[in-house]
Amino acid sequence: MATAAQLAAPAAGPFTWHDYLALADDDRRELFDGYLLEADVATALHEWIVAYLITVLNTWAFGNGGRALASAYKVRISDRRAVMPDVQFYRRGRSTPAQALTEGGPDLAVEVISAGSRGIDSVTKLRYYLQIGVPEYWLVDPEAQTLTCFVQVQTAAGPAWQVTHALGIGDGQFAPPTFAGLCVDLQRLFTVPD
């Protein structure tokens, strides 16, 4: 296992899941193929989107069970890969260890694209979440003001993603069928209040 000083060195590595768990709680890096990648500094809109979705999901959960967690919760993909979704949701009855999820994935993972994360969020993490069996993935693009919902389906070739919703700010609302009664107001989602 690497020391704290080694983990702080940008060129150090490769690292494992156990090294990743040893990082400080406020360390925002993610583990890609054994190397730590620094997350972009979040904009006010990025932070608003995360806060809004956490609020909407947890409000829904009060009557339906489950809970939404913010981005500091670590999810293991493999021994050399781990991420921290911007938002993740766990349905009623799913226990979540205090620091990290070591097996499987959340019931919903949400990533909000930032300037440097477009390829990672829309390609790499899409593949990672499919690999660990995440049933649903929302990809939110603040620049394009879009929300895309992917649901995992079984095909003859194995699990795959199916896009069930591809919405823009002008579409009004997002009402995912997997969360009966939940409604995301897209105008509010993409508008930081004064």
C-alpha atoms as a PDB file:
ATOM      1  CA  MET A   1       0.000   0.000   0.000  1.00  0.00           C
ATOM      2  CA  ALA A   2       1.269   3.480  -0.871  1.00  0.00           C
ATOM      3  CA  THR A   3       2.054   6.070   1.801  1.00  0.00           C
ATOM      4  CA  ALA A   4       0.150   9.362   2.121  1.00  0.00           C
ATOM      5  CA  ALA A   5       3.160  11.222   0.662  1.00  0.00           C
ATOM      6  CA  GLN A   6       3.221   8.917  -2.362  1.00  0.00           C
ATOM      7  CA  LEU A   7      -0.502   9.381  -2.907  1.00  0.00           C
ATOM      8  CA  ALA A   8      -0.035  13.156  -2.955  1.00  0.00           C
ATOM      9  CA  ALA A   9       2.621  12.972  -5.679  1.00  0.00           C
ATOM     10  CA  PRO A  10       0.971  13.555  -9.076  1.00  0.00           C
ATOM     11  CA  ALA A  11       3.305  11.222 -11.018  1.00  0.00           C
ATOM     12  CA  ALA A  12       3.180   8.394  -8.472  1.00  0.00           C
ATOM     13  CA  GLY A  13       1.383   5.154  -9.120  1.00  0.00           C
ATOM     14  CA  PRO A  14       0.024   2.765 -10.012  1.00  0.00           C
ATOM     15  CA  PHE A  15      -2.436   2.592  -7.141  1.00  0.00           C
ATOM     16  CA  THR A  16      -5.026   0.086  -5.985  1.00  0.00           C
ATOM     17  CA  TRP A  17      -8.489   0.300  -4.443  1.00  0.00           C
ATOM     18  CA  HIS A  18      -6.929   0.055  -0.967  1.00  0.00           C
ATOM     19  CA  ASP A  19      -4.616   3.000  -1.735  1.00  0.00           C
ATOM     20  CA  TYR A  20      -7.629   4.932  -2.973  1.00  0.00           C
ATOM     21  CA  LEU A  21      -9.508   4.315   0.261  1.00  0.00           C
ATOM     22  CA  ALA A  22      -6.523   5.708   2.188  1.00  0.00           C
ATOM     23  CA  LEU A  23      -6.843   9.133   0.520  1.00  0.00           C
ATOM     24  CA  ALA A  24      -8.095  12.017   2.646  1.00  0.00           C
ATOM     25  CA  ASP A  25     -11.867  12.465   2.661  1.00  0.00           C
ATOM     26  CA  ASP A  26     -11.577  15.788   0.834  1.00  0.00           C
ATOM     27  CA  ASP A  27      -9.378  14.372  -1.950  1.00  0.00           C
ATOM     28  CA  ARG A  28     -11.482  14.615  -5.124  1.00  0.00           C
ATOM     29  CA  ARG A  29      -9.295  12.437  -7.380  1.00  0.00           C
ATOM     30  CA  GLU A  30     -10.637   9.292  -9.015  1.00  0.00           C
ATOM     31  CA  LEU A  31      -8.789   6.079  -9.886  1.00  0.00           C
ATOM     32  CA  PHE A  32      -8.417   5.215 -13.577  1.00  0.00           C
ATOM     33  CA  ASP A  33      -6.342   2.141 -14.466  1.00  0.00           C
ATOM     34  CA  GLY A  34      -4.194   2.570 -11.357  1.00  0.00           C
ATOM     35  CA  TYR A  35      -3.614   6.320 -11.687  1.00  0.00           C
ATOM     36  CA  LEU A  36      -5.258   9.171  -9.821  1.00  0.00           C
ATOM     37  CA  LEU A  37      -6.973  11.797 -11.951  1.00  0.00           C
ATOM     38  CA  GLU A  38      -7.791  15.213 -10.539  1.00  0.00           C
ATOM     39  CA  ALA A  39     -11.423  16.315 -10.920  1.00  0.00           C
ATOM     40  CA  ASP A  40     -12.158  19.692 -12.497  1.00  0.00           C
ATOM     41  CA  VAL A  41     -13.011  22.534 -10.157  1.00  0.00           C
ATOM     42  CA  ALA A  42     -16.795  22.642 -10.105  1.00  0.00           C
ATOM     43  CA  THR A  43     -18.602  25.738 -11.363  1.00  0.00           C
ATOM     44  CA  ALA A  44     -21.537  27.314  -9.526  1.00  0.00           C
ATOM     45  CA  LEU A  45     -23.908  25.733 -12.067  1.00  0.00           C
ATOM     46  CA  HIS A  46     -22.332  22.287 -11.579  1.00  0.00           C
ATOM     47  CA  GLU A  47     -22.738  22.571  -7.810  1.00  0.00           C
ATOM     48  CA  TRP A  48     -26.321  23.836  -8.183  1.00  0.00           C
ATOM     49  CA  ILE A  49     -27.251  20.864 -10.409  1.00  0.00           C
ATOM     50  CA  VAL A  50     -25.820  18.412  -7.869  1.00  0.00           C
ATOM     51  CA  ALA A  51     -27.585  20.132  -4.954  1.00  0.00           C
ATOM     52  CA  TYR A  52     -30.891  20.315  -6.836  1.00  0.00           C
ATOM     53  CA  LEU A  53     -30.810  16.622  -7.799  1.00  0.00           C
ATOM     54  CA  ILE A  54     -29.868  15.560  -4.258  1.00  0.00           C
ATOM     55  CA  THR A  55     -32.819  17.597  -2.936  1.00  0.00           C
ATOM     56  CA  VAL A  56     -35.297  16.226  -5.487  1.00  0.00           C
ATOM     57  CA  LEU A  57     -34.158  12.620  -5.003  1.00  0.00           C
ATOM     58  CA  ASN A  58     -34.115  12.789  -1.196  1.00  0.00           C
ATOM     59  CA  THR A  59     -37.528  14.495  -1.133  1.00  0.00           C
ATOM     60  CA  TRP A  60     -38.841  11.628  -3.283  1.00  0.00           C
ATOM     61  CA  ALA A  61     -37.135   9.136  -0.945  1.00  0.00           C
ATOM     62  CA  PHE A  62     -39.008  10.458   2.127  1.00  0.00           C
ATOM     63  CA  GLY A  63     -42.161   8.809   0.804  1.00  0.00           C
ATOM     64  CA  ASN A  64     -40.629   5.970  -1.187  1.00  0.00           C
ATOM     65  CA  GLY A  65     -37.514   4.928   0.686  1.00  0.00           C
ATOM     66  CA  GLY A  66     -33.872   5.084  -0.250  1.00  0.00           C
ATOM     67  CA  ARG A  67     -31.367   7.909  -0.133  1.00  0.00           C
ATOM     68  CA  ALA A  68     -29.222  10.070  -2.366  1.00  0.00           C
ATOM     69  CA  LEU A  69     -25.551  10.675  -1.610  1.00  0.00           C
ATOM     70  CA  ALA A  70     -23.264  13.418  -2.863  1.00  0.00           C
ATOM     71  CA  SER A  71     -20.003  12.989  -4.708  1.00  0.00           C
ATOM     72  CA  ALA A  72     -17.609  12.189  -1.864  1.00  0.00           C
ATOM     73  CA  TYR A  73     -18.833   8.573  -1.673  1.00  0.00           C
ATOM     74  CA  LYS A  74     -16.392   6.194  -3.413  1.00  0.00           C
ATOM     75  CA  VAL A  75     -17.537   3.383  -5.708  1.00  0.00           C
ATOM     76  CA  ARG A  76     -15.193   0.513  -6.587  1.00  0.00           C
ATOM     77  CA  ILE A  77     -15.166  -0.567 -10.230  1.00  0.00           C
ATOM     78  CA  SER A  78     -12.175  -2.914  -9.961  1.00  0.00           C
ATOM     79  CA  ASP A  79      -8.908  -3.094  -8.010  1.00  0.00           C
ATOM     80  CA  ARG A  80      -7.436  -0.328 -10.222  1.00  0.00           C
ATOM     81  CA  ARG A  81     -10.586   1.708 -10.946  1.00  0.00           C
ATOM     82  CA  ALA A  82     -12.824   3.727  -8.636  1.00  0.00           C
ATOM     83  CA  VAL A  83     -15.032   6.762  -9.059  1.00  0.00           C
ATOM     84  CA  MET A  84     -17.182   9.192  -7.100  1.00  0.00           C
ATOM     85  CA  PRO A  85     -20.411   9.891  -8.996  1.00  0.00           C
ATOM     86  CA  ASP A  86     -21.659  13.464  -8.604  1.00  0.00           C
ATOM     87  CA  VAL A  87     -24.923  12.019  -7.274  1.00  0.00           C
ATOM     88  CA  GLN A  88     -25.825   8.445  -6.455  1.00  0.00           C
ATOM     89  CA  PHE A  89     -29.056   6.929  -5.227  1.00  0.00           C
ATOM     90  CA  TYR A  90     -29.628   3.749  -3.223  1.00  0.00           C
ATOM     91  CA  ARG A  91     -33.128   2.308  -3.009  1.00  0.00           C
ATOM     92  CA  ARG A  92     -34.797   1.147   0.208  1.00  0.00           C
ATOM     93  CA  GLY A  93     -33.034  -1.828   1.771  1.00  0.00           C
ATOM     94  CA  ARG A  94     -29.640  -1.164   0.193  1.00  0.00           C
ATOM     95  CA  SER A  95     -27.009  -0.724   2.874  1.00  0.00           C
ATOM     96  CA  THR A  96     -24.069   1.533   2.129  1.00  0.00           C
ATOM     97  CA  PRO A  97     -20.841   1.200   4.125  1.00  0.00           C
ATOM     98  CA  ALA A  98     -19.612   4.375   5.792  1.00  0.00           C
ATOM     99  CA  GLN A  99     -16.739   5.224   3.417  1.00  0.00           C
ATOM    100  CA  ALA A 100     -17.203   3.377   0.148  1.00  0.00           C
ATOM    101  CA  LEU A 101     -19.129   0.836  -1.883  1.00  0.00           C
ATOM    102  CA  THR A 102     -16.834  -2.123  -2.458  1.00  0.00           C
ATOM    103  CA  GLU A 103     -19.201  -4.406  -4.408  1.00  0.00           C
ATOM    104  CA  GLY A 104     -21.793  -3.609  -7.063  1.00  0.00           C
ATOM    105  CA  GLY A 105     -23.021  -0.114  -7.754  1.00  0.00           C
ATOM    106  CA  PRO A 106     -25.670   2.396  -6.791  1.00  0.00           C
ATOM    107  CA  ASP A 107     -29.195   2.048  -8.160  1.00  0.00           C
ATOM    108  CA  LEU A 108     -28.677   5.371  -9.938  1.00  0.00           C
ATOM    109  CA  ALA A 109     -25.453   7.176 -10.817  1.00  0.00           C
ATOM    110  CA  VAL A 110     -25.491  10.782 -12.027  1.00  0.00           C
ATOM    111  CA  GLU A 111     -22.569  12.634 -13.583  1.00  0.00           C
ATOM    112  CA  VAL A 112     -22.567  16.343 -14.360  1.00  0.00           C
ATOM    113  CA  ILE A 113     -20.197  17.077 -17.238  1.00  0.00           C
ATOM    114  CA  SER A 114     -17.502  19.671 -16.575  1.00  0.00           C
ATOM    115  CA  ALA A 115     -15.025  21.249 -18.989  1.00  0.00           C
ATOM    116  CA  GLY A 116     -12.477  18.450 -18.763  1.00  0.00           C
ATOM    117  CA  SER A 117     -14.736  15.482 -18.045  1.00  0.00           C
ATOM    118  CA  ARG A 118     -16.844  15.128 -21.206  1.00  0.00           C
ATOM    119  CA  GLY A 119     -15.089  11.998 -22.516  1.00  0.00           C
ATOM    120  CA  ILE A 120     -14.725  10.455 -19.087  1.00  0.00           C
ATOM    121  CA  ASP A 121     -18.378  10.979 -18.130  1.00  0.00           C
ATOM    122  CA  SER A 122     -19.923  10.083 -21.496  1.00  0.00           C
ATOM    123  CA  VAL A 123     -17.654   7.154 -22.450  1.00  0.00           C
ATOM    124  CA  THR A 124     -15.433   5.812 -19.659  1.00  0.00           C
ATOM    125  CA  LYS A 125     -17.858   6.076 -16.739  1.00  0.00           C
ATOM    126  CA  LEU A 126     -20.729   4.917 -18.925  1.00  0.00           C
ATOM    127  CA  ARG A 127     -18.729   1.722 -19.507  1.00  0.00           C
ATOM    128  CA  TYR A 128     -17.690   1.453 -15.845  1.00  0.00           C
ATOM    129  CA  TYR A 129     -21.250   1.754 -14.530  1.00  0.00           C
ATOM    130  CA  LEU A 130     -22.473  -0.886 -16.971  1.00  0.00           C
ATOM    131  CA  GLN A 131     -19.641  -3.170 -15.826  1.00  0.00           C
ATOM    132  CA  ILE A 132     -20.715  -3.048 -12.158  1.00  0.00           C
ATOM    133  CA  GLY A 133     -24.426  -3.402 -12.903  1.00  0.00           C
ATOM    134  CA  VAL A 134     -25.738   0.120 -12.251  1.00  0.00           C
ATOM    135  CA  PRO A 135     -29.357  -0.036 -13.501  1.00  0.00           C
ATOM    136  CA  GLU A 136     -29.667   3.665 -14.405  1.00  0.00           C
ATOM    137  CA  TYR A 137     -27.310   6.511 -15.340  1.00  0.00           C
ATOM    138  CA  TRP A 138     -28.192  10.176 -15.825  1.00  0.00           C
ATOM    139  CA  LEU A 139     -25.719  12.319 -17.742  1.00  0.00           C
ATOM    140  CA  VAL A 140     -26.272  16.042 -17.257  1.00  0.00           C
ATOM    141  CA  ASP A 141     -24.585  18.543 -19.590  1.00  0.00           C
ATOM    142  CA  PRO A 142     -24.707  22.098 -18.165  1.00  0.00           C
ATOM    143  CA  GLU A 143     -23.231  23.637 -21.328  1.00  0.00           C
ATOM    144  CA  ALA A 144     -25.770  22.072 -23.705  1.00  0.00           C
ATOM    145  CA  GLN A 145     -28.484  22.174 -20.998  1.00  0.00           C
ATOM    146  CA  THR A 146     -29.405  18.525 -21.560  1.00  0.00           C
ATOM    147  CA  LEU A 147     -30.164  15.492 -19.439  1.00  0.00           C
ATOM    148  CA  THR A 148     -29.786  12.017 -20.917  1.00  0.00           C
ATOM    149  CA  CYS A 149     -31.161   8.975 -19.096  1.00  0.00           C
ATOM    150  CA  PHE A 150     -29.587   5.578 -19.762  1.00  0.00           C
ATOM    151  CA  VAL A 151     -31.231   2.393 -18.466  1.00  0.00           C
ATOM    152  CA  GLN A 152     -29.432  -0.937 -18.456  1.00  0.00           C
ATOM    153  CA  VAL A 153     -31.087  -3.623 -20.572  1.00  0.00           C
ATOM    154  CA  GLN A 154     -30.189  -7.223 -21.347  1.00  0.00           C
ATOM    155  CA  THR A 155     -29.425  -8.026 -24.980  1.00  0.00           C
ATOM    156  CA  ALA A 156     -28.304 -11.210 -26.706  1.00  0.00           C
ATOM    157  CA  ALA A 157     -24.738  -9.852 -26.459  1.00  0.00           C
ATOM    158  CA  GLY A 158     -25.091  -9.064 -22.738  1.00  0.00           C
ATOM    159  CA  PRO A 159     -25.915  -5.934 -20.767  1.00  0.00           C
ATOM    160  CA  ALA A 160     -26.149  -2.660 -22.696  1.00  0.00           C
ATOM    161  CA  TRP A 161     -27.383   0.876 -22.195  1.00  0.00           C
ATOM    162  CA  GLN A 162     -30.631   2.091 -23.719  1.00  0.00           C
ATOM    163  CA  VAL A 163     -31.337   5.827 -23.893  1.00  0.00           C
ATOM    164  CA  THR A 164     -34.851   6.322 -22.539  1.00  0.00           C
ATOM    165  CA  HIS A 165     -34.816  10.125 -22.365  1.00  0.00           C
ATOM    166  CA  ALA A 166     -32.720  12.784 -24.108  1.00  0.00           C
ATOM    167  CA  LEU A 167     -34.111  16.086 -22.903  1.00  0.00           C
ATOM    168  CA  GLY A 168     -33.197  19.746 -23.144  1.00  0.00           C
ATOM    169  CA  ILE A 169     -34.142  22.706 -20.985  1.00  0.00           C
ATOM    170  CA  GLY A 170     -37.083  23.451 -23.278  1.00  0.00           C
ATOM    171  CA  ASP A 171     -38.660  20.040 -22.649  1.00  0.00           C
ATOM    172  CA  GLY A 172     -40.025  21.170 -19.299  1.00  0.00           C
ATOM    173  CA  GLN A 173     -39.750  18.172 -17.019  1.00  0.00           C
ATOM    174  CA  PHE A 174     -38.023  14.842 -16.635  1.00  0.00           C
ATOM    175  CA  ALA A 175     -40.214  12.175 -15.038  1.00  0.00           C
ATOM    176  CA  PRO A 176     -38.234   8.917 -14.954  1.00  0.00           C
ATOM    177  CA  PRO A 177     -40.549   5.876 -14.913  1.00  0.00           C
ATOM    178  CA  THR A 178     -38.175   4.109 -12.508  1.00  0.00           C
ATOM    179  CA  PHE A 179     -38.946   6.777  -9.883  1.00  0.00           C
ATOM    180  CA  ALA A 180     -42.765   6.932  -9.975  1.00  0.00           C
ATOM    181  CA  GLY A 181     -43.947  10.434  -9.078  1.00  0.00           C
ATOM    182  CA  LEU A 182     -40.492  12.053  -9.225  1.00  0.00           C
ATOM    183  CA  CYS A 183     -40.263  15.148 -11.405  1.00  0.00           C
ATOM    184  CA  VAL A 184     -37.119  17.098 -12.308  1.00  0.00           C
ATOM    185  CA  ASP A 185     -37.917  20.632 -13.480  1.00  0.00           C
ATOM    186  CA  LEU A 186     -35.348  21.163 -16.239  1.00  0.00           C
ATOM    187  CA  GLN A 187     -35.603  24.972 -16.122  1.00  0.00           C
ATOM    188  CA  ARG A 188     -34.747  24.904 -12.410  1.00  0.00           C
ATOM    189  CA  LEU A 189     -32.055  22.265 -12.953  1.00  0.00           C
ATOM    190  CA  PHE A 190     -30.104  24.546 -15.286  1.00  0.00           C
ATOM    191  CA  THR A 191     -30.780  27.908 -13.589  1.00  0.00           C
ATOM    192  CA  VAL A 192     -28.755  28.941 -10.539  1.00  0.00           C
ATOM    193  CA  PRO A 193     -31.075  31.023  -8.329  1.00  0.00           C
ATOM    194  CA  ASP A 194     -30.145  34.616  -7.450  1.00  0.00           C
END
